[in-house]
Amino acid sequence: MRAKSKAITDASKLSGPEKAAVVLLALGEEHTHIWEALDDEEIKEVSQAMASLGTVSANVVEELLIEFVSGLSSSGAIMGSFEQTQRLLNSFLPQDKVETLMEEIRGPAGRTMWDKLGNVNEAVLANYLKNEYPQTVAVVLSKVKAEHAARVLAALPEDFALECVQRMLRMEPVQREILDKIEQTLRTEFMSNLARTSKRDSHEMMADIFNNFDRQTESRFIAALEERARESAERIRALMFVFEDLSKLDPGGVQTLLRAVEKDQLGLALKGASDGLREMFFSNMSERAAKIMREDMESMGPVRLRDVDQAQMAMVQVAKDLAAKGEIMLAGAGGDDELIY
């Protein structure tokens, strides 16, 4: 999304839909009949550009509307926003169609409702679907990709999930009217609400922040939070992925991580590791490499706790990067997940 705090001063940097959005904003609600000549896809594209346009300088407006420049005031700067876009669309389109378009702009990416559901976190989707009829859930899960449907089913209460599976096994082709009704319900009751809420749990965000504290600061904040909001503190602690959680890697994961970490960083990080974690890393090295690493660690002598923390944080970040690429799998901190490679 274009930053709205800085005015657009160069018309050449605007895309076609953005230029169209400037023109239509400048013409305002008196000339909305122009929109009637656009098809749905064009309206959607221009609306999306309009909603994220921000401030456009008067000079750019004049440049794009040179043939109408005499009708513009000298302070002809305009502001594109979600609210302005919705107000303009409301002046010539039915309200339900406007809400659909605005949901398309605000909601998760995807051209169809089923594309959009595929971009919704499985826990969020399961939390919504668990209150629906099993037959409705069966229809929804039959329309999304198999891997996403699997993750949603796993996140549903087991008895309810099995009922949905049975409905899917017995399901006949769904009538178009029923499918349309389900789509509309999802659009109005779920996707529009989702677009107005943060897609990321606040405790997950805070766990990431706590992961980047040094050990002393982390302990201080956790202790203080436990006094004020014990439940939140425990949830954050469970979500945090810390250096000792690397013990949940299997041998293949450990060896992949070892190849990606600098040897001096590894030695420093292991200086502050538990005996069990240290031995796990040594057992996944060759005998010669483990011997050299032990000798290097002994030759370091005393090291600062801050330096050890930084080395361990760096290793955790490397592990997270490898997990994001699919090269290793990290079990959730505080969880008892089995790791499968």
Protein backbone atom coordinates (compact mmCIF):
# COMPACT_ATOMS: atom_id res chain seq x y z
CA MET A 1 0.00 0.00 0.00
CA ARG A 2 1.27 3.46 -0.89
CA ALA A 3 2.22 5.59 2.11
CA LYS A 4 -0.54 8.14 2.64
CA SER A 5 1.53 10.69 4.53
CA LYS A 6 3.51 11.78 1.46
CA ALA A 7 1.74 13.45 -1.46
CA ILE A 8 2.08 11.95 -4.96
CA THR A 9 3.84 14.57 -7.07
CA ASP A 10 4.83 12.62 -10.20
CA ALA A 11 2.03 11.42 -12.48
CA SER A 12 4.41 9.20 -14.45
CA LYS A 13 4.84 6.93 -11.41
CA LEU A 14 1.13 6.14 -11.25
CA SER A 15 -0.24 2.93 -12.75
CA GLY A 16 -3.21 2.95 -15.14
CA PRO A 17 -5.76 2.07 -12.41
CA GLU A 18 -4.24 4.73 -10.13
CA LYS A 19 -4.56 7.39 -12.85
CA ALA A 20 -8.18 6.35 -13.40
CA ALA A 21 -8.76 6.54 -9.65
CA VAL A 22 -7.38 10.12 -9.54
CA VAL A 23 -9.64 11.19 -12.41
CA LEU A 24 -12.76 9.62 -10.88
CA LEU A 25 -12.00 11.07 -7.45
CA ALA A 26 -11.51 14.51 -8.99
CA LEU A 27 -14.80 14.29 -10.88
CA GLY A 28 -16.57 13.32 -7.67
CA GLU A 29 -20.07 12.11 -7.02
CA GLU A 30 -21.70 14.31 -9.70
CA HIS A 31 -20.14 12.23 -12.48
CA THR A 32 -20.61 8.71 -11.17
CA HIS A 33 -22.37 7.68 -14.39
CA ILE A 34 -18.85 7.10 -15.79
CA TRP A 35 -18.51 4.13 -13.47
CA GLU A 36 -21.50 2.49 -15.12
CA ALA A 37 -19.39 1.92 -18.25
CA LEU A 38 -16.89 -0.22 -16.28
CA ASP A 39 -17.27 -3.95 -15.75
CA ASP A 40 -17.01 -5.55 -12.30
CA GLU A 41 -13.32 -6.39 -12.63
CA GLU A 42 -12.47 -2.83 -13.73
CA ILE A 43 -14.49 -1.35 -10.87
CA LYS A 44 -12.69 -3.63 -8.42
CA GLU A 45 -9.25 -2.72 -9.80
CA VAL A 46 -9.91 1.03 -9.81
CA SER A 47 -11.55 0.86 -6.37
CA GLN A 48 -8.54 -0.93 -4.92
CA ALA A 49 -6.19 1.70 -6.39
CA MET A 50 -8.42 4.48 -5.08
CA ALA A 51 -8.58 3.08 -1.55
CA SER A 52 -4.79 2.97 -1.23
CA LEU A 53 -4.00 6.13 -3.18
CA GLY A 54 -3.38 8.61 -0.39
CA THR A 55 -2.82 12.29 -1.13
CA VAL A 56 -2.32 13.42 -4.73
CA SER A 57 -0.91 16.89 -5.37
CA ALA A 58 -2.92 19.47 -7.31
CA ASN A 59 -0.28 19.52 -10.06
CA VAL A 60 -0.72 15.83 -10.72
CA VAL A 61 -4.49 16.18 -10.73
CA GLU A 62 -4.22 19.03 -13.25
CA GLU A 63 -1.83 17.06 -15.41
CA LEU A 64 -4.21 14.08 -15.55
CA LEU A 65 -7.27 16.28 -16.09
CA ILE A 66 -5.71 18.93 -18.30
CA GLU A 67 -8.76 19.21 -20.53
CA PHE A 68 -10.89 19.93 -17.44
CA VAL A 69 -8.29 22.07 -15.62
CA SER A 70 -10.47 25.14 -15.72
CA GLY A 71 -12.98 23.34 -13.53
CA LEU A 72 -10.45 22.57 -10.82
CA SER A 73 -9.66 24.90 -7.96
CA SER A 74 -6.10 25.96 -7.25
CA SER A 75 -6.16 23.77 -4.18
CA GLY A 76 -7.30 20.76 -6.10
CA ALA A 77 -5.41 18.15 -4.10
CA ILE A 78 -7.56 15.08 -3.37
CA MET A 79 -7.39 12.25 -0.86
CA GLY A 80 -8.18 8.63 -1.67
CA SER A 81 -9.23 6.43 1.25
CA PHE A 82 -11.42 3.44 2.05
CA GLU A 83 -14.14 5.76 3.35
CA GLN A 84 -14.07 8.05 0.28
CA THR A 85 -14.10 5.05 -2.06
CA GLN A 86 -17.05 3.44 -0.28
CA ARG A 87 -19.00 6.73 -0.25
CA LEU A 88 -18.44 7.19 -3.98
CA LEU A 89 -19.42 3.61 -4.83
CA ASN A 90 -22.54 3.89 -2.66
CA SER A 91 -23.79 6.75 -4.82
CA PHE A 92 -24.38 4.50 -7.86
CA LEU A 93 -24.10 0.83 -6.82
CA PRO A 94 -26.39 -1.27 -4.59
CA GLN A 95 -25.17 -1.43 -0.99
CA ASP A 96 -24.60 -5.20 -1.00
CA LYS A 97 -22.43 -4.90 -4.12
CA VAL A 98 -20.41 -2.06 -2.54
CA GLU A 99 -19.86 -4.13 0.60
CA THR A 100 -18.71 -7.03 -1.55
CA LEU A 101 -16.22 -4.81 -3.42
CA MET A 102 -14.89 -3.23 -0.22
CA GLU A 103 -14.49 -6.67 1.37
CA GLU A 104 -12.53 -7.71 -1.74
CA ILE A 105 -10.23 -4.71 -1.20
CA ARG A 106 -9.80 -5.13 2.55
CA GLY A 107 -9.91 -8.92 2.92
CA PRO A 108 -7.24 -11.61 2.40
CA ALA A 109 -5.91 -11.89 -1.14
CA GLY A 110 -7.74 -14.08 -3.65
CA ARG A 111 -10.07 -13.67 -6.61
CA THR A 112 -12.85 -15.96 -5.34
CA MET A 113 -14.26 -16.64 -1.89
CA TRP A 114 -12.62 -20.07 -1.90
CA ASP A 115 -9.24 -18.56 -2.82
CA LYS A 116 -9.67 -16.20 0.11
CA LEU A 117 -10.50 -18.98 2.56
CA GLY A 118 -7.30 -20.71 1.48
CA ASN A 119 -5.38 -17.68 2.78
CA VAL A 120 -7.07 -17.71 6.20
CA ASN A 121 -5.17 -19.29 9.09
CA GLU A 122 -6.61 -22.77 9.73
CA ALA A 123 -7.14 -22.07 13.46
CA VAL A 124 -9.12 -18.91 12.67
CA LEU A 125 -11.23 -20.70 10.06
CA ALA A 126 -11.81 -23.72 12.32
CA ASN A 127 -12.88 -21.44 15.17
CA TYR A 128 -15.59 -20.00 12.89
CA LEU A 129 -16.68 -23.28 11.27
CA LYS A 130 -17.07 -25.18 14.57
CA ASN A 131 -20.28 -23.20 15.16
CA GLU A 132 -21.74 -24.07 11.73
CA TYR A 133 -23.76 -27.11 10.64
CA PRO A 134 -21.54 -30.11 9.72
CA GLN A 135 -23.09 -30.15 6.24
CA THR A 136 -22.10 -26.49 5.71
CA VAL A 137 -18.55 -27.25 6.88
CA ALA A 138 -18.45 -30.23 4.53
CA VAL A 139 -19.33 -27.99 1.58
CA VAL A 140 -16.74 -25.38 2.57
CA LEU A 141 -13.95 -27.94 3.01
CA SER A 142 -14.80 -29.59 -0.30
CA LYS A 143 -14.20 -26.25 -2.05
CA VAL A 144 -10.76 -25.39 -0.59
CA LYS A 145 -7.44 -27.09 -1.32
CA ALA A 146 -6.94 -30.52 0.23
CA GLU A 147 -3.93 -29.51 2.34
CA HIS A 148 -5.82 -26.56 3.84
CA ALA A 149 -8.92 -28.67 4.47
CA ALA A 150 -6.71 -31.19 6.29
CA ARG A 151 -5.27 -28.50 8.58
CA VAL A 152 -8.76 -27.13 9.33
CA LEU A 153 -10.14 -30.60 10.14
CA ALA A 154 -7.21 -31.21 12.49
CA ALA A 155 -8.00 -27.95 14.29
CA LEU A 156 -11.72 -28.78 14.76
CA PRO A 157 -13.07 -30.73 17.78
CA GLU A 158 -12.54 -34.40 16.91
CA ASP A 159 -16.18 -35.59 17.06
CA PHE A 160 -17.34 -32.62 15.02
CA ALA A 161 -14.52 -33.12 12.50
CA LEU A 162 -15.47 -36.80 12.04
CA GLU A 163 -19.11 -35.81 11.48
CA CYS A 164 -17.94 -33.36 8.78
CA VAL A 165 -15.79 -36.10 7.17
CA GLN A 166 -18.81 -38.43 7.02
CA ARG A 167 -20.92 -35.68 5.42
CA MET A 168 -18.16 -35.10 2.84
CA LEU A 169 -18.08 -38.83 2.01
CA ARG A 170 -21.84 -38.87 1.41
CA MET A 171 -22.05 -35.48 -0.27
CA GLU A 172 -23.96 -35.10 -3.52
CA PRO A 173 -23.29 -32.25 -6.02
CA VAL A 174 -24.28 -29.00 -4.29
CA GLN A 175 -27.03 -26.90 -5.86
CA ARG A 176 -25.90 -23.52 -7.14
CA GLU A 177 -28.37 -21.64 -4.91
CA ILE A 178 -27.08 -23.37 -1.76
CA LEU A 179 -23.48 -22.67 -2.74
CA ASP A 180 -24.32 -19.02 -3.39
CA LYS A 181 -26.01 -18.76 -0.01
CA ILE A 182 -22.98 -20.25 1.78
CA GLU A 183 -20.65 -17.89 -0.11
CA GLN A 184 -22.77 -14.90 0.84
CA THR A 185 -22.86 -15.96 4.51
CA LEU A 186 -19.10 -16.41 4.56
CA ARG A 187 -18.66 -13.04 2.90
CA THR A 188 -20.93 -11.07 5.23
CA GLU A 189 -20.43 -12.89 8.53
CA PHE A 190 -16.84 -14.08 8.35
CA MET A 191 -14.63 -12.37 5.75
CA SER A 192 -15.87 -8.85 6.45
CA ASN A 193 -15.25 -9.32 10.19
CA LEU A 194 -11.86 -10.87 9.49
CA ALA A 195 -10.85 -7.87 7.38
CA ARG A 196 -11.51 -5.58 10.34
CA THR A 197 -9.44 -7.59 12.80
CA SER A 198 -5.76 -8.33 13.04
CA LYS A 199 -4.88 -11.58 11.28
CA ARG A 200 -2.13 -12.16 13.82
CA ASP A 201 -2.75 -13.01 17.45
CA SER A 202 -1.35 -10.35 19.76
CA HIS A 203 0.27 -12.99 21.97
CA GLU A 204 2.15 -14.41 18.94
CA MET A 205 3.41 -10.93 18.13
CA MET A 206 4.51 -10.39 21.73
CA ALA A 207 6.22 -13.80 21.85
CA ASP A 208 8.32 -12.75 18.82
CA ILE A 209 9.25 -9.52 20.61
CA PHE A 210 10.16 -11.41 23.81
CA ASN A 211 12.28 -13.81 21.72
CA ASN A 212 14.41 -10.84 20.74
CA PHE A 213 15.01 -9.64 24.31
CA ASP A 214 18.27 -10.55 25.97
CA ARG A 215 17.84 -13.13 28.74
CA GLN A 216 17.81 -10.62 31.59
CA THR A 217 15.24 -8.32 29.98
CA GLU A 218 13.05 -11.26 28.99
CA SER A 219 13.03 -12.60 32.57
CA ARG A 220 12.24 -9.14 33.94
CA PHE A 221 9.28 -8.61 31.61
CA ILE A 222 7.88 -12.12 32.06
CA ALA A 223 8.11 -11.82 35.85
CA ALA A 224 6.40 -8.41 35.80
CA LEU A 225 3.68 -9.64 33.43
CA GLU A 226 3.02 -12.71 35.59
CA GLU A 227 2.12 -10.40 38.48
CA ARG A 228 -0.36 -8.41 36.36
CA ALA A 229 -1.71 -10.94 33.85
CA ARG A 230 -0.56 -14.49 34.61
CA GLU A 231 -2.62 -16.07 31.83
CA SER A 232 -1.08 -13.79 29.17
CA ALA A 233 2.42 -14.41 30.53
CA GLU A 234 1.94 -18.19 30.37
CA ARG A 235 0.55 -17.97 26.84
CA ILE A 236 3.48 -15.85 25.66
CA ARG A 237 5.95 -18.22 27.31
CA ALA A 238 4.31 -21.18 25.55
CA LEU A 239 4.51 -19.42 22.16
CA MET A 240 8.13 -18.37 22.50
CA PHE A 241 10.73 -20.39 20.61
CA VAL A 242 13.97 -20.29 22.56
CA PHE A 243 17.41 -21.80 22.10
CA GLU A 244 16.70 -24.87 24.25
CA ASP A 245 13.75 -25.71 21.97
CA LEU A 246 16.33 -26.72 19.35
CA SER A 247 16.55 -29.97 21.34
CA LYS A 248 13.27 -30.94 19.59
CA LEU A 249 15.03 -31.20 16.21
CA ASP A 250 15.76 -34.68 14.89
CA PRO A 251 19.29 -35.61 13.67
CA GLY A 252 18.56 -34.50 10.10
CA GLY A 253 17.33 -31.11 11.31
CA VAL A 254 20.34 -30.66 13.61
CA GLN A 255 22.77 -31.45 10.77
CA THR A 256 21.01 -29.01 8.44
CA LEU A 257 21.25 -26.32 11.12
CA LEU A 258 24.93 -27.10 11.77
CA ARG A 259 25.76 -26.56 8.10
CA ALA A 260 24.06 -23.15 8.17
CA VAL A 261 25.62 -21.76 11.37
CA GLU A 262 29.07 -20.20 11.64
CA LYS A 263 31.37 -22.34 13.79
CA ASP A 264 32.51 -19.53 16.12
CA GLN A 265 28.87 -18.54 16.69
CA LEU A 266 27.98 -22.18 17.44
CA GLY A 267 30.78 -22.49 19.99
CA LEU A 268 29.72 -19.31 21.77
CA ALA A 269 26.05 -20.36 21.81
CA LEU A 270 26.87 -23.82 23.18
CA LYS A 271 28.91 -22.27 26.02
CA GLY A 272 25.58 -21.29 27.57
CA ALA A 273 23.60 -24.41 26.58
CA SER A 274 22.41 -27.18 28.86
CA ASP A 275 24.55 -30.32 28.95
CA GLY A 276 21.84 -32.26 27.12
CA LEU A 277 21.54 -29.80 24.25
CA ARG A 278 25.31 -29.45 23.97
CA GLU A 279 25.73 -33.23 23.69
CA MET A 280 22.94 -33.42 21.11
CA PHE A 281 24.90 -31.07 18.83
CA PHE A 282 28.20 -32.87 19.45
CA SER A 283 26.63 -36.27 18.69
CA ASN A 284 25.53 -34.97 15.28
CA MET A 285 29.09 -33.90 14.33
CA SER A 286 31.93 -36.10 13.22
CA GLU A 287 34.18 -37.20 16.08
CA ARG A 288 36.96 -34.92 14.83
CA ALA A 289 34.66 -31.88 14.43
CA ALA A 290 33.22 -32.40 17.92
CA LYS A 291 36.73 -32.64 19.39
CA ILE A 292 37.80 -29.39 17.66
CA MET A 293 34.62 -27.63 18.80
CA ARG A 294 35.19 -28.68 22.44
CA GLU A 295 38.77 -27.45 22.28
CA ASP A 296 37.67 -24.12 20.75
CA MET A 297 35.08 -23.66 23.49
CA GLU A 298 37.65 -24.37 26.22
CA SER A 299 40.11 -21.90 24.69
CA MET A 300 37.46 -19.15 24.81
CA GLY A 301 37.68 -18.98 28.58
CA PRO A 302 34.99 -16.94 30.37
CA VAL A 303 32.54 -15.25 28.00
CA ARG A 304 29.98 -12.51 28.58
CA LEU A 305 26.39 -13.62 29.06
CA ARG A 306 25.29 -10.93 26.60
CA ASP A 307 27.50 -12.40 23.87
CA VAL A 308 26.16 -15.91 24.53
CA ASP A 309 22.57 -14.62 24.35
CA GLN A 310 23.26 -12.90 21.03
CA ALA A 311 24.84 -16.05 19.56
CA GLN A 312 21.90 -18.18 20.72
CA MET A 313 19.37 -15.68 19.33
CA ALA A 314 21.23 -15.69 16.01
CA MET A 315 21.08 -19.51 15.89
CA VAL A 316 17.35 -19.48 16.65
CA GLN A 317 16.85 -16.99 13.81
CA VAL A 318 18.80 -19.23 11.41
CA ALA A 319 16.60 -22.14 12.48
CA LYS A 320 13.45 -20.09 11.87
CA ASP A 321 14.73 -19.06 8.42
CA LEU A 322 15.42 -22.71 7.54
CA ALA A 323 11.95 -23.67 8.77
CA ALA A 324 10.38 -20.93 6.63
CA LYS A 325 12.14 -22.44 3.59
CA GLY A 326 10.86 -25.90 4.51
CA GLU A 327 14.35 -27.28 5.12
CA ILE A 328 13.69 -28.16 8.77
CA MET A 329 10.58 -28.33 10.95
CA LEU A 330 10.36 -26.65 14.32
CA ALA A 331 7.98 -27.94 16.97
CA GLY A 332 5.97 -25.24 18.70
CA ALA A 333 7.54 -24.13 21.94
CA GLY A 334 5.80 -25.62 24.94
CA GLY A 335 4.17 -28.24 22.71
CA ASP A 336 4.60 -31.99 22.46
CA ASP A 337 4.42 -32.20 18.68
CA GLU A 338 6.14 -35.08 16.94
CA LEU A 339 8.59 -33.92 14.29
CA ILE A 340 8.34 -35.66 10.90
CA TYR A 341 10.82 -35.00 8.08
